[in-house]
Structure formats: C-alpha cells, structure tokens
Amino acid sequence: MSIKELQIETLRKKNRITLIMLIISVVLGVVVEASLGKTLQLILTIAIGGAVLCSIIAFLHLSKRLTKQIAYLAIVGLTIILGMIN
C-alpha cells in the first residue's frame, strides 16, 4: 500500500466519522426543537435540509467521489441550513 493510498483511506475514515456526526447532529436538532415546541416550519427545515445534506454526503462517501471535499461540503451545507432557519 502506497502512501497516497494510505492517505486516501485515512481521509475516507474521517469522512465516515463526519457523516455519522452529521446524522447525529440532525437527529438531535430535530428532537430538541420538537421538544421545545418550536414551529413545524423550523422542525421541517432542519429535518428536510439535514436529510438532503446527509444523503448527498453519504452518496459522495459511498461512491468514493470528492473524497477531499466532503468535509467542506458538510460545513457549507450546515451553513445553508442555518441560513434558512434565520
């Protein structure tokens, strides 16, 4: 295994952890907002936006595309979701 392959494998492991943390964040966000009695629009914005973002990141991770950019896409996606909330 070359150094380049090892770096890609390490990056894929980090991307998997990023995806798991993203899913947990979305689920917790929806649960907290629902338990606080926030509006349905806010809850659906987090749920649908988070589901779309998680789906895109999962697709890219599983298809081994844009491996080096997945972390940046996750950050940009979360920023867009936060922007839609306010």
C-alpha atoms as a PDB file:
ATOM      1  CA  MET A   1       0.000   0.000   0.000  1.00  0.00           C
ATOM      2  CA  SER A   2       1.485   3.302  -1.070  1.00  0.00           C
ATOM      3  CA  ILE A   3       1.481   6.473   0.968  1.00  0.00           C
ATOM      4  CA  LYS A   4      -1.104   8.028  -1.370  1.00  0.00           C
ATOM      5  CA  GLU A   5      -3.492   5.085  -0.896  1.00  0.00           C
ATOM      6  CA  LEU A   6      -2.967   5.226   2.859  1.00  0.00           C
ATOM      7  CA  GLN A   7      -3.788   8.943   2.901  1.00  0.00           C
ATOM      8  CA  ILE A   8      -6.977   8.351   0.905  1.00  0.00           C
ATOM      9  CA  GLU A   9      -8.042   5.533   3.263  1.00  0.00           C
ATOM     10  CA  THR A  10      -7.426   7.742   6.290  1.00  0.00           C
ATOM     11  CA  LEU A  11      -9.427  10.526   4.688  1.00  0.00           C
ATOM     12  CA  ARG A  12     -12.299   8.120   3.950  1.00  0.00           C
ATOM     13  CA  LYS A  13     -12.347   7.064   7.612  1.00  0.00           C
ATOM     14  CA  LYS A  14     -12.525  10.726   8.631  1.00  0.00           C
ATOM     15  CA  ASN A  15     -15.344  11.274   6.141  1.00  0.00           C
ATOM     16  CA  ARG A  16     -17.263   8.348   7.638  1.00  0.00           C
ATOM     17  CA  ILE A  17     -16.926   9.896  11.090  1.00  0.00           C
ATOM     18  CA  THR A  18     -18.033  13.259   9.680  1.00  0.00           C
ATOM     19  CA  LEU A  19     -21.116  11.612   8.169  1.00  0.00           C
ATOM     20  CA  ILE A  20     -22.007   9.871  11.430  1.00  0.00           C
ATOM     21  CA  MET A  21     -21.624  13.104  13.400  1.00  0.00           C
ATOM     22  CA  LEU A  22     -23.718  14.960  10.828  1.00  0.00           C
ATOM     23  CA  ILE A  23     -26.538  12.422  11.126  1.00  0.00           C
ATOM     24  CA  ILE A  24     -26.413  12.594  14.929  1.00  0.00           C
ATOM     25  CA  SER A  25     -26.481  16.408  14.811  1.00  0.00           C
ATOM     26  CA  VAL A  26     -29.519  16.488  12.545  1.00  0.00           C
ATOM     27  CA  VAL A  27     -31.433  13.956  14.645  1.00  0.00           C
ATOM     28  CA  LEU A  28     -30.598  15.776  17.879  1.00  0.00           C
ATOM     29  CA  GLY A  29     -31.528  19.117  16.332  1.00  0.00           C
ATOM     30  CA  VAL A  30     -34.942  17.848  15.284  1.00  0.00           C
ATOM     31  CA  VAL A  31     -35.592  16.190  18.657  1.00  0.00           C
ATOM     32  CA  VAL A  32     -34.577  19.273  20.645  1.00  0.00           C
ATOM     33  CA  GLU A  33     -36.610  21.665  18.515  1.00  0.00           C
ATOM     34  CA  ALA A  34     -39.650  19.385  18.700  1.00  0.00           C
ATOM     35  CA  SER A  35     -39.344  19.019  22.471  1.00  0.00           C
ATOM     36  CA  LEU A  36     -39.104  22.794  22.877  1.00  0.00           C
ATOM     37  CA  GLY A  37     -42.348  23.182  20.952  1.00  0.00           C
ATOM     38  CA  LYS A  38     -40.921  25.190  18.070  1.00  0.00           C
ATOM     39  CA  THR A  39     -42.897  25.776  14.890  1.00  0.00           C
ATOM     40  CA  LEU A  40     -43.415  22.973  12.407  1.00  0.00           C
ATOM     41  CA  GLN A  41     -41.702  25.036   9.707  1.00  0.00           C
ATOM     42  CA  LEU A  42     -38.494  25.201  11.743  1.00  0.00           C
ATOM     43  CA  ILE A  43     -38.545  21.488  12.543  1.00  0.00           C
ATOM     44  CA  LEU A  44     -39.191  20.557   8.905  1.00  0.00           C
ATOM     45  CA  THR A  45     -36.449  22.902   7.709  1.00  0.00           C
ATOM     46  CA  ILE A  46     -33.927  21.157   9.929  1.00  0.00           C
ATOM     47  CA  ALA A  47     -35.262  17.679   9.132  1.00  0.00           C
ATOM     48  CA  ILE A  48     -35.548  18.037   5.353  1.00  0.00           C
ATOM     49  CA  GLY A  49     -32.409  20.131   4.935  1.00  0.00           C
ATOM     50  CA  GLY A  50     -30.453  17.764   7.158  1.00  0.00           C
ATOM     51  CA  ALA A  51     -31.771  14.704   5.349  1.00  0.00           C
ATOM     52  CA  VAL A  52     -30.811  16.150   1.967  1.00  0.00           C
ATOM     53  CA  LEU A  53     -27.362  17.105   3.230  1.00  0.00           C
ATOM     54  CA  CYS A  54     -26.787  13.693   4.841  1.00  0.00           C
ATOM     55  CA  SER A  55     -27.948  11.973   1.656  1.00  0.00           C
ATOM     56  CA  ILE A  56     -25.557  13.964  -0.505  1.00  0.00           C
ATOM     57  CA  ILE A  57     -22.621  13.361   1.837  1.00  0.00           C
ATOM     58  CA  ALA A  58     -23.469   9.642   2.129  1.00  0.00           C
ATOM     59  CA  PHE A  59     -23.727   9.291  -1.658  1.00  0.00           C
ATOM     60  CA  LEU A  60     -20.385  11.002  -2.188  1.00  0.00           C
ATOM     61  CA  HIS A  61     -18.756   8.912   0.534  1.00  0.00           C
ATOM     62  CA  LEU A  62     -20.115   5.579  -0.671  1.00  0.00           C
ATOM     63  CA  SER A  63     -19.374   6.303  -4.333  1.00  0.00           C
ATOM     64  CA  LYS A  64     -15.846   7.478  -3.412  1.00  0.00           C
ATOM     65  CA  ARG A  65     -16.303  10.834  -5.121  1.00  0.00           C
ATOM     66  CA  LEU A  66     -14.972  14.197  -3.956  1.00  0.00           C
ATOM     67  CA  THR A  67     -13.197  12.498  -1.068  1.00  0.00           C
ATOM     68  CA  LYS A  68     -11.082  15.539  -0.272  1.00  0.00           C
ATOM     69  CA  GLN A  69     -14.022  17.969  -0.409  1.00  0.00           C
ATOM     70  CA  ILE A  70     -16.647  16.131   1.689  1.00  0.00           C
ATOM     71  CA  ALA A  71     -15.758  17.896   4.950  1.00  0.00           C
ATOM     72  CA  TYR A  72     -16.032  21.291   3.269  1.00  0.00           C
ATOM     73  CA  LEU A  73     -19.364  20.375   1.671  1.00  0.00           C
ATOM     74  CA  ALA A  74     -20.718  19.334   5.071  1.00  0.00           C
ATOM     75  CA  ILE A  75     -19.741  22.692   6.576  1.00  0.00           C
ATOM     76  CA  VAL A  76     -21.240  24.642   3.676  1.00  0.00           C
ATOM     77  CA  GLY A  77     -24.420  22.547   3.849  1.00  0.00           C
ATOM     78  CA  LEU A  78     -24.838  23.177   7.568  1.00  0.00           C
ATOM     79  CA  THR A  79     -24.283  26.884   6.983  1.00  0.00           C
ATOM     80  CA  ILE A  80     -27.011  26.905   4.334  1.00  0.00           C
ATOM     81  CA  ILE A  81     -29.423  25.108   6.682  1.00  0.00           C
ATOM     82  CA  LEU A  82     -28.664  27.625   9.448  1.00  0.00           C
ATOM     83  CA  GLY A  83     -29.225  30.440   6.972  1.00  0.00           C
ATOM     84  CA  MET A  84     -32.620  29.020   6.028  1.00  0.00           C
ATOM     85  CA  ILE A  85     -33.634  28.910   9.699  1.00  0.00           C
ATOM     86  CA  ASN A  86     -32.997  32.606  10.331  1.00  0.00           C
END
